[in-house]
């Protein structure tokens, strides 16, 4: 018996799973599952369901899951025999049985394989070159693909421009260090994001070292809520690196698209995923130092957002605090409005609690559309100059002023959740949450009451 499932929705959408003869395959969130579904899809049980392949039949069995397994739209119980065209849904992941081959002889033993076939993101046909470099299964859901026909017909804003083996499709953004493009690996049809150092005067030795640092950090971090590094190199003397491309923008774009604060559920989900990524990075002694909504990149699967932390250019190994050649005494870096006070005054020795403060400020902003300080407007400063009233600088406000309680700016937010946010942005490090896991747990408890 050989059974092929196509994953229609979920983080592994586009992948096909091919199961060999006389196998029993467990599907769920647990480490013991043969097919592992997303850890953050809590509708899925650790051992949710199994497929049993006999010489003649393929059978679906729900393993007593809390939220059920759905077969052709109906919740199943007991054993259900499968045929081609049947659909199975577990949490946000949906499968279609695309092929069943019975074997009367019952010869068996072949293990199941994954990642054999990848679908074109445009025509949904087979992306026949996706695995020509042998990396498709390892990269998994961190990339999508075009078939050769769709790739040939693709019209772009940057026709003819390339960096290394990558065709540049459109400009995504530009910062002080580099420029970011949506790109296509023409060999595989793989969609990616490519970040390259700026040319000319901006490409100083320090910028080159920051690029090398970011590449080194990303190589060391493999987590579902951290942007995945795919490749890196140099072109015409300028470093570049290639990472997964997330097509829903960043967390700040949630507010722009809605022209209002994001919902409590949506904001909490994004921040919870960011905290998962931070806990992983902190456990490996990395502190990000530039957490803000613009560095929380998003993708959408099955109507749910996945958030991943990007831009580790300022990341530092805090276990070796102070040893960096990148920061001088009195220097600070990051984004001022999201920076913890100690990051401004003692940037070289900043610890994970600074990332949690920045995450708290970001959460506050997503929930309210505002920052927790009263910053004078340009008009306020002009009028102050005319009438002899001197306003504090933004730097002084962040360092000295107490944050505005969240409920003062958004009274509809659940009180216990507001208390979590308020604690996360306290001035003193010791008064905040001491780990990302602790902060995430506090958010979950506040939402469950």
Protein backbone atom coordinates (compact mmCIF):
# COMPACT_ATOMS: atom_id res chain seq x y z
CA UNK A 1 0.00 0.00 0.00
CA UNK A 2 1.31 3.44 -0.98
CA UNK A 3 -0.63 6.55 0.04
CA UNK A 4 0.03 10.15 -1.03
CA UNK A 5 -1.39 13.12 0.90
CA UNK A 6 -1.19 16.71 -0.33
CA UNK A 7 -1.15 19.38 2.38
CA UNK A 8 -3.60 22.06 1.23
CA UNK A 9 -3.43 24.50 4.16
CA UNK A 10 -1.14 25.02 7.13
CA UNK A 11 2.55 25.89 7.56
CA UNK A 12 3.53 22.95 5.32
CA UNK A 13 1.06 23.79 2.55
CA UNK A 14 2.17 22.60 -0.88
CA UNK A 15 4.06 19.61 0.45
CA UNK A 16 3.16 16.02 -0.37
CA UNK A 17 3.64 13.15 2.04
CA UNK A 18 4.22 9.73 0.52
CA UNK A 19 3.76 6.81 2.89
CA UNK A 20 5.18 3.39 2.15
CA UNK A 21 3.63 -0.03 2.61
CA UNK A 22 2.42 -1.53 5.90
CA UNK A 23 3.19 1.60 7.91
CA UNK A 24 1.39 3.14 10.86
CA UNK A 25 1.96 6.91 10.90
CA UNK A 26 1.14 9.15 13.89
CA UNK A 27 0.22 12.80 13.16
CA UNK A 28 0.20 15.46 15.91
CA UNK A 29 2.16 18.13 17.80
CA UNK A 30 4.24 15.84 20.00
CA UNK A 31 7.88 14.91 19.50
CA UNK A 32 6.80 11.28 19.02
CA UNK A 33 4.66 12.15 15.95
CA UNK A 34 5.98 10.96 12.59
CA UNK A 35 4.32 13.98 10.92
CA UNK A 36 4.73 16.95 13.26
CA UNK A 37 2.16 19.75 13.07
CA UNK A 38 2.74 23.30 14.41
CA UNK A 39 3.46 23.57 18.15
CA UNK A 40 1.35 26.74 18.37
CA UNK A 41 -1.76 25.10 16.85
CA UNK A 42 -3.26 24.12 20.20
CA UNK A 43 -6.33 22.59 18.58
CA UNK A 44 -4.04 19.70 17.65
CA UNK A 45 -3.27 17.08 20.30
CA UNK A 46 0.23 15.70 20.81
CA UNK A 47 -0.88 12.37 19.34
CA UNK A 48 -3.88 13.46 17.32
CA UNK A 49 -4.56 10.78 14.71
CA UNK A 50 -2.91 7.94 12.84
CA UNK A 51 -2.99 6.45 9.37
CA UNK A 52 -2.68 2.68 9.10
CA UNK A 53 -1.66 1.22 5.76
CA UNK A 54 -2.58 -2.43 5.22
CA UNK A 55 -1.90 -4.27 1.96
CA UNK A 56 -5.46 -3.50 0.78
CA UNK A 57 -6.70 -0.48 2.74
CA UNK A 58 -5.70 2.84 4.28
CA UNK A 59 -7.51 3.60 7.53
CA UNK A 60 -7.79 6.86 9.50
CA UNK A 61 -8.03 6.61 13.30
CA UNK A 62 -8.61 9.53 15.68
CA UNK A 63 -6.51 8.96 18.81
CA UNK A 64 -9.00 10.44 21.25
CA UNK A 65 -8.03 14.01 20.39
CA UNK A 66 -9.62 16.83 22.37
CA UNK A 67 -10.83 18.83 19.36
CA UNK A 68 -11.42 16.05 16.87
CA UNK A 69 -10.34 14.97 13.41
CA UNK A 70 -12.56 16.01 10.50
CA UNK A 71 -13.09 13.72 7.50
CA UNK A 72 -14.85 15.34 4.52
CA UNK A 73 -16.19 18.00 6.88
CA UNK A 74 -17.52 15.62 9.54
CA UNK A 75 -15.93 14.80 12.88
CA UNK A 76 -14.92 11.14 12.92
CA UNK A 77 -14.88 8.49 15.61
CA UNK A 78 -13.43 5.01 15.43
CA UNK A 79 -11.84 3.86 12.17
CA UNK A 80 -12.58 5.39 8.77
CA UNK A 81 -11.49 3.83 5.47
CA UNK A 82 -9.93 6.34 3.06
CA UNK A 83 -10.12 6.66 -0.71
CA UNK A 84 -8.68 9.07 -3.26
CA UNK A 85 -10.18 12.56 -3.03
CA UNK A 86 -11.05 12.33 0.67
CA UNK A 87 -10.14 15.34 2.81
CA UNK A 88 -8.85 15.38 6.38
CA UNK A 89 -8.57 18.47 8.59
CA UNK A 90 -6.65 18.77 11.85
CA UNK A 91 -6.44 22.29 13.34
CA UNK A 92 -5.24 24.68 10.59
CA UNK A 93 -3.80 21.85 8.50
CA UNK A 94 -5.89 20.20 5.79
CA UNK A 95 -4.88 17.17 3.71
CA UNK A 96 -6.28 15.64 0.53
CA UNK A 97 -5.76 11.96 -0.31
CA UNK A 98 -4.37 12.37 -3.83
CA UNK A 99 -3.26 8.81 -4.53
CA UNK A 100 -3.76 5.30 -3.09
CA UNK A 101 -2.00 2.31 -4.62
CA UNK A 102 -2.90 -1.08 -3.18
CA UNK A 103 -0.51 -4.02 -3.30
CA UNK A 104 -2.03 -7.50 -3.23
CA UNK A 105 1.35 -9.08 -2.59
CA UNK A 106 1.72 -7.13 0.59
CA UNK A 107 5.44 -6.47 0.10
CA UNK A 108 6.36 -3.90 2.65
CA UNK A 109 8.82 -2.08 4.76
CA UNK A 110 9.40 1.14 2.79
CA UNK A 111 9.57 4.17 5.03
CA UNK A 112 7.43 7.18 4.26
CA UNK A 113 9.03 10.14 2.52
CA UNK A 114 8.23 13.84 2.66
CA UNK A 115 8.76 16.81 0.40
CA UNK A 116 8.69 14.81 -2.84
CA UNK A 117 6.42 17.26 -4.66
CA UNK A 118 6.11 21.02 -4.23
CA UNK A 119 3.35 23.07 -5.76
CA UNK A 120 3.67 26.27 -7.79
CA UNK A 121 2.35 29.21 -5.79
CA UNK A 122 0.74 30.67 -8.93
CA UNK A 123 -0.81 27.85 -10.99
CA UNK A 124 -0.79 25.17 -8.20
CA UNK A 125 0.80 22.69 -10.61
CA UNK A 126 4.02 20.88 -9.78
CA UNK A 127 7.11 23.06 -9.21
CA UNK A 128 9.32 20.52 -10.91
CA UNK A 129 12.66 22.12 -10.04
CA UNK A 130 11.99 22.84 -6.37
CA UNK A 131 14.34 20.16 -5.10
CA UNK A 132 17.09 20.18 -7.74
CA UNK A 133 19.53 21.41 -5.08
CA UNK A 134 18.32 18.78 -2.60
CA UNK A 135 17.24 21.40 -0.04
CA UNK A 136 13.45 21.60 -0.44
CA UNK A 137 12.61 19.18 2.37
CA UNK A 138 15.09 20.81 4.77
CA UNK A 139 13.82 24.33 4.00
CA UNK A 140 10.23 23.12 4.33
CA UNK A 141 7.61 25.83 4.77
CA UNK A 142 10.25 28.59 4.80
CA UNK A 143 9.92 28.96 1.02
CA UNK A 144 7.37 28.82 -1.78
CA UNK A 145 8.00 28.01 -5.43
CA UNK A 146 7.16 28.71 -9.05
CA UNK A 147 7.09 26.10 -11.79
CA UNK A 148 9.36 26.78 -14.76
CA UNK A 149 6.47 28.05 -16.92
CA UNK A 150 5.23 30.57 -14.36
CA UNK A 151 8.80 31.66 -13.60
CA UNK A 152 9.41 32.34 -17.29
CA UNK A 153 6.24 34.43 -17.58
CA UNK A 154 6.85 36.38 -14.36
CA UNK A 155 6.84 40.15 -14.80
CA UNK A 156 8.80 42.12 -12.22
CA UNK A 157 9.61 45.68 -11.26
CA UNK A 158 13.36 45.03 -11.56
CA UNK A 159 13.75 43.08 -14.81
CA UNK A 160 17.33 42.14 -15.51
CA UNK A 161 18.74 42.86 -12.03
CA UNK A 162 20.48 39.99 -10.24
CA UNK A 163 22.56 39.38 -7.17
CA UNK A 164 24.58 36.18 -7.43
CA UNK A 165 22.23 33.45 -8.70
CA UNK A 166 19.11 35.37 -7.60
CA UNK A 167 16.75 37.35 -9.80
CA UNK A 168 15.51 40.49 -8.04
CA UNK A 169 11.75 40.95 -8.30
CA UNK A 170 10.89 44.07 -6.32
CA UNK A 171 12.22 46.36 -3.62
CA UNK A 172 10.84 45.56 -0.17
CA UNK A 173 12.66 48.17 1.91
CA UNK A 174 15.89 49.98 2.69
CA UNK A 175 17.67 50.83 5.92
CA UNK A 176 20.92 52.40 6.98
CA UNK A 177 22.90 49.21 6.39
CA UNK A 178 21.27 47.44 3.48
CA UNK A 179 18.49 47.06 0.98
CA UNK A 180 15.96 44.20 0.91
CA UNK A 181 14.41 42.65 -2.19
CA UNK A 182 11.92 39.95 -2.99
CA UNK A 183 13.99 37.53 -5.06
CA UNK A 184 13.73 34.31 -7.05
CA UNK A 185 16.26 31.50 -7.18
CA UNK A 186 16.03 30.75 -10.90
CA UNK A 187 17.49 27.26 -10.48
CA UNK A 188 14.75 26.05 -8.12
CA UNK A 189 11.95 28.60 -8.59
CA UNK A 190 12.22 29.36 -4.86
CA UNK A 191 10.85 32.72 -3.59
CA UNK A 192 13.07 34.39 -0.99
CA UNK A 193 14.01 37.71 0.59
CA UNK A 194 17.50 38.99 -0.22
CA UNK A 195 19.29 41.59 1.88
CA UNK A 196 22.39 43.23 0.45
CA UNK A 197 24.81 45.79 1.82
CA UNK A 198 24.38 49.29 0.47
CA UNK A 199 27.05 50.33 -2.03
CA UNK A 200 29.58 53.11 -1.75
CA UNK A 201 30.22 55.11 1.37
CA UNK A 202 27.56 53.30 3.42
CA UNK A 203 29.44 50.01 3.03
CA UNK A 204 32.00 50.77 5.72
CA UNK A 205 33.99 48.13 7.54
CA UNK A 206 31.57 48.36 10.46
CA UNK A 207 28.56 47.72 8.21
CA UNK A 208 30.35 44.72 6.68
CA UNK A 209 30.96 43.32 10.15
CA UNK A 210 27.34 43.89 11.13
CA UNK A 211 26.27 41.94 8.05
CA UNK A 212 28.63 39.14 8.95
CA UNK A 213 27.29 39.15 12.51
CA UNK A 214 23.68 38.91 11.36
CA UNK A 215 24.54 36.01 9.04
CA UNK A 216 26.38 34.22 11.84
CA UNK A 217 23.51 34.68 14.30
CA UNK A 218 20.87 33.49 11.81
CA UNK A 219 22.96 30.43 10.98
CA UNK A 220 22.92 29.56 14.68
CA UNK A 221 19.16 30.04 15.17
CA UNK A 222 16.62 27.58 13.76
CA UNK A 223 13.16 28.23 15.16
CA UNK A 224 9.66 28.50 13.68
CA UNK A 225 9.36 32.09 14.99
CA UNK A 226 12.73 33.34 13.73
CA UNK A 227 13.26 34.17 10.06
CA UNK A 228 15.20 31.30 8.48
CA UNK A 229 18.56 31.92 6.77
CA UNK A 230 18.70 30.10 3.41
CA UNK A 231 21.95 31.25 1.77
CA UNK A 232 24.64 33.93 1.89
CA UNK A 233 27.50 35.19 -0.23
CA UNK A 234 29.07 38.23 -1.86
CA UNK A 235 28.44 39.90 -5.21
CA UNK A 236 30.69 42.62 -6.61
CA UNK A 237 32.31 43.00 -3.19
CA UNK A 238 29.01 43.45 -1.35
CA UNK A 239 27.79 40.89 1.14
CA UNK A 240 24.26 39.55 0.85
CA UNK A 241 22.19 36.95 2.61
CA UNK A 242 18.98 35.24 1.62
CA UNK A 243 16.18 34.31 4.01
CA UNK A 244 12.59 33.14 3.88
CA UNK A 245 10.10 35.65 2.50
CA UNK A 246 6.99 36.39 4.55
CA UNK A 247 4.28 37.89 2.40
CA UNK A 248 2.06 39.68 4.96
CA UNK A 249 4.42 42.51 5.85
CA UNK A 250 5.24 43.27 9.46
CA UNK A 251 3.25 43.69 12.67
CA UNK A 252 3.19 47.46 12.21
CA UNK A 253 1.32 46.92 8.95
CA UNK A 254 -1.56 45.39 10.95
CA UNK A 255 -2.38 48.87 12.16
CA UNK A 256 -1.88 50.50 8.77
CA UNK A 257 -4.14 47.98 7.02
CA UNK A 258 -6.89 48.36 9.62
CA UNK A 259 -6.29 52.05 10.31
CA UNK A 260 -6.77 51.20 13.96
CA UNK A 261 -5.30 49.08 16.72
CA UNK A 262 -5.12 45.35 16.04
CA UNK A 263 -7.51 43.09 17.91
CA UNK A 264 -6.62 41.69 21.32
CA UNK A 265 -6.56 38.13 19.97
CA UNK A 266 -4.47 38.99 16.93
CA UNK A 267 -1.99 41.15 18.86
CA UNK A 268 -1.65 38.57 21.62
CA UNK A 269 -1.01 35.80 19.08
CA UNK A 270 1.71 37.79 17.32
CA UNK A 271 3.41 38.78 20.58
CA UNK A 272 3.16 35.24 21.96
CA UNK A 273 4.96 33.89 18.89
CA UNK A 274 7.62 36.59 19.16
CA UNK A 275 8.17 35.61 22.79
CA UNK A 276 8.60 31.98 21.73
CA UNK A 277 11.32 33.05 19.29
CA UNK A 278 12.97 35.27 21.90
CA UNK A 279 13.01 32.51 24.51
CA UNK A 280 14.82 30.28 22.01
CA UNK A 281 17.35 33.03 21.18
CA UNK A 282 17.87 33.96 24.85
CA UNK A 283 18.41 30.31 25.77
CA UNK A 284 21.31 30.42 23.30
CA UNK A 285 22.65 33.61 24.87
CA UNK A 286 21.57 35.98 22.09
CA UNK A 287 19.84 39.28 22.85
CA UNK A 288 18.22 40.93 19.81
CA UNK A 289 18.43 44.62 20.86
CA UNK A 290 16.04 45.95 18.19
CA UNK A 291 12.65 44.37 18.82
CA UNK A 292 9.85 46.49 17.33
CA UNK A 293 6.75 45.85 15.19
CA UNK A 294 8.73 46.40 11.98
CA UNK A 295 10.99 43.46 12.90
CA UNK A 296 8.05 41.09 13.46
CA UNK A 297 7.38 39.69 9.99
CA UNK A 298 4.11 37.93 9.17
CA UNK A 299 2.70 35.24 6.94
CA UNK A 300 -0.86 33.92 6.80
CA UNK A 301 -1.94 30.28 6.66
CA UNK A 302 -5.49 29.08 6.98
CA UNK A 303 -6.60 32.52 8.15
CA UNK A 304 -4.07 32.58 11.00
CA UNK A 305 -0.97 34.76 11.25
CA UNK A 306 2.51 33.39 11.84
CA UNK A 307 5.02 35.88 13.27
CA UNK A 308 8.79 35.60 12.93
CA UNK A 309 11.55 37.79 14.32
CA UNK A 310 13.76 39.45 11.71
CA UNK A 311 16.82 41.70 11.61
CA UNK A 312 19.41 40.29 13.99
CA UNK A 313 22.00 42.85 12.85
CA UNK A 314 22.32 44.25 16.39
CA UNK A 315 22.12 40.88 18.15
CA UNK A 316 24.79 40.22 20.75
CA UNK A 317 25.95 37.25 22.77
CA UNK A 318 25.13 38.54 26.25
CA UNK A 319 27.14 35.75 27.88
CA UNK A 320 30.21 37.65 26.64
CA UNK A 321 28.80 41.12 27.38
CA UNK A 322 31.19 43.97 26.73
CA UNK A 323 33.50 42.00 24.47
CA UNK A 324 32.10 43.38 21.23
CA UNK A 325 34.28 45.41 18.91
CA UNK A 326 31.10 46.92 17.47
CA UNK A 327 30.15 49.24 20.34
CA UNK A 328 32.18 51.92 22.04
CA UNK A 329 31.70 53.35 25.51
CA UNK A 330 28.67 55.61 25.57
CA UNK A 331 27.31 54.24 22.27
CA UNK A 332 23.79 52.92 21.86
CA UNK A 333 21.90 51.43 18.95
CA UNK A 334 18.42 50.24 18.24
CA UNK A 335 15.17 52.16 17.81
CA UNK A 336 14.86 54.79 20.53
CA UNK A 337 11.10 54.70 21.06
CA UNK A 338 11.21 50.94 21.75
CA UNK A 339 14.48 50.83 23.68
CA UNK A 340 14.69 49.95 27.36
CA UNK A 341 16.30 52.68 29.50
CA UNK A 342 19.31 50.46 30.30
CA UNK A 343 19.86 49.86 26.58
CA UNK A 344 20.33 53.60 26.13
CA UNK A 345 22.69 54.02 29.06
CA UNK A 346 24.59 50.72 28.92
CA UNK A 347 24.12 49.23 25.47
CA UNK A 348 27.15 46.93 25.59
CA UNK A 349 25.89 45.03 28.64
CA UNK A 350 22.20 44.79 27.77
CA UNK A 351 20.41 41.61 28.87
CA UNK A 352 17.28 39.70 27.68
CA UNK A 353 15.00 41.84 29.86
CA UNK A 354 15.67 44.70 27.43
CA UNK A 355 14.15 42.62 24.62
CA UNK A 356 11.12 41.97 26.83
CA UNK A 357 10.70 45.70 27.44
CA UNK A 358 10.81 46.32 23.67
CA UNK A 359 8.29 43.51 23.16
CA UNK A 360 6.05 45.13 25.78
CA UNK A 361 6.24 48.51 24.04
CA UNK A 362 5.39 46.78 20.75
CA UNK A 363 2.44 44.99 22.37
CA UNK A 364 1.21 48.29 23.83
CA UNK A 365 1.43 49.87 20.38
CA UNK A 366 -0.43 47.02 18.66
CA UNK A 367 -3.25 47.18 21.24
CA UNK A 368 -3.63 50.96 21.31
CA UNK A 369 -2.04 52.42 18.19
CA UNK A 370 -0.04 54.63 20.56
CA UNK A 371 3.21 54.60 22.51
CA UNK A 372 3.17 54.80 26.33
CA UNK A 373 4.70 58.29 26.53
CA UNK A 374 3.59 61.84 25.79
CA UNK A 375 5.97 63.05 23.09
CA UNK A 376 5.73 66.75 22.11
CA UNK A 377 4.65 67.27 18.51
CA UNK A 378 6.76 69.41 16.13
CA UNK A 379 4.18 72.17 16.61
CA UNK A 380 4.53 71.91 20.41
CA UNK A 381 8.28 72.41 20.06
CA UNK A 382 7.87 75.41 17.72
CA UNK A 383 5.36 77.06 20.06
CA UNK A 384 7.56 76.24 23.03
CA UNK A 385 10.45 78.00 21.36
CA UNK A 386 8.31 81.06 20.66
CA UNK A 387 6.97 81.31 24.22
CA UNK A 388 10.05 80.20 26.09
CA UNK A 389 8.75 76.77 27.11
CA UNK A 390 11.37 74.11 26.79
CA UNK A 391 10.20 70.56 26.07
CA UNK A 392 12.07 67.39 27.00
CA UNK A 393 13.82 65.48 24.26
CA UNK A 394 12.48 62.05 23.30
CA UNK A 395 15.60 60.55 24.83
CA UNK A 396 14.94 62.23 28.18
CA UNK A 397 11.28 61.18 28.10
CA UNK A 398 12.16 57.49 27.55
CA UNK A 399 14.78 57.63 30.30
CA UNK A 400 12.86 59.63 32.90
CA UNK A 401 9.06 59.54 32.41
CA UNK A 402 6.85 56.76 33.71
CA UNK A 403 4.85 54.96 30.99
CA UNK A 404 1.19 55.88 30.65
CA UNK A 405 -0.98 53.00 31.99
CA UNK A 406 -2.42 51.14 29.04
CA UNK A 407 -6.04 51.48 30.20
CA UNK A 408 -5.68 55.27 30.16
CA UNK A 409 -5.28 55.06 26.38
CA UNK A 410 -7.41 51.98 25.63
CA UNK A 411 -9.99 51.36 28.38
CA UNK A 412 -11.63 48.50 26.44
CA UNK A 413 -8.60 46.22 26.81
CA UNK A 414 -9.13 43.43 29.39
CA UNK A 415 -7.83 44.68 32.72
CA UNK A 416 -5.60 41.68 33.47
CA UNK A 417 -4.01 41.82 30.03
CA UNK A 418 -3.37 45.55 30.46
CA UNK A 419 -1.61 44.76 33.76
CA UNK A 420 0.69 42.32 31.95
CA UNK A 421 1.62 44.96 29.38
CA UNK A 422 2.16 47.62 32.07
CA UNK A 423 4.50 45.33 33.99
CA UNK A 424 6.52 44.54 30.87
CA UNK A 425 7.41 48.23 30.30
CA UNK A 426 8.51 49.16 33.80
CA UNK A 427 11.68 51.23 34.07
CA UNK A 428 13.49 48.90 36.45
CA UNK A 429 14.66 45.61 34.96
CA UNK A 430 13.90 43.69 38.16
CA UNK A 431 10.25 44.81 38.07
CA UNK A 432 9.61 43.32 34.61
CA UNK A 433 9.16 39.71 33.59
CA UNK A 434 12.48 37.94 33.76
CA UNK A 435 12.04 35.59 30.81
CA UNK A 436 10.08 35.48 27.57
CA UNK A 437 8.41 32.27 28.71
CA UNK A 438 7.21 33.92 31.92
CA UNK A 439 5.77 36.86 29.98
CA UNK A 440 3.99 34.60 27.49
CA UNK A 441 2.49 32.55 30.31
CA UNK A 442 1.20 35.74 31.95
CA UNK A 443 -0.46 36.77 28.66
CA UNK A 444 -2.13 33.37 28.29
CA UNK A 445 -3.38 33.40 31.89
CA UNK A 446 -4.78 36.92 31.47
CA UNK A 447 -6.65 35.89 28.32
CA UNK A 448 -8.07 32.74 29.88
CA UNK A 449 -9.81 34.53 32.75
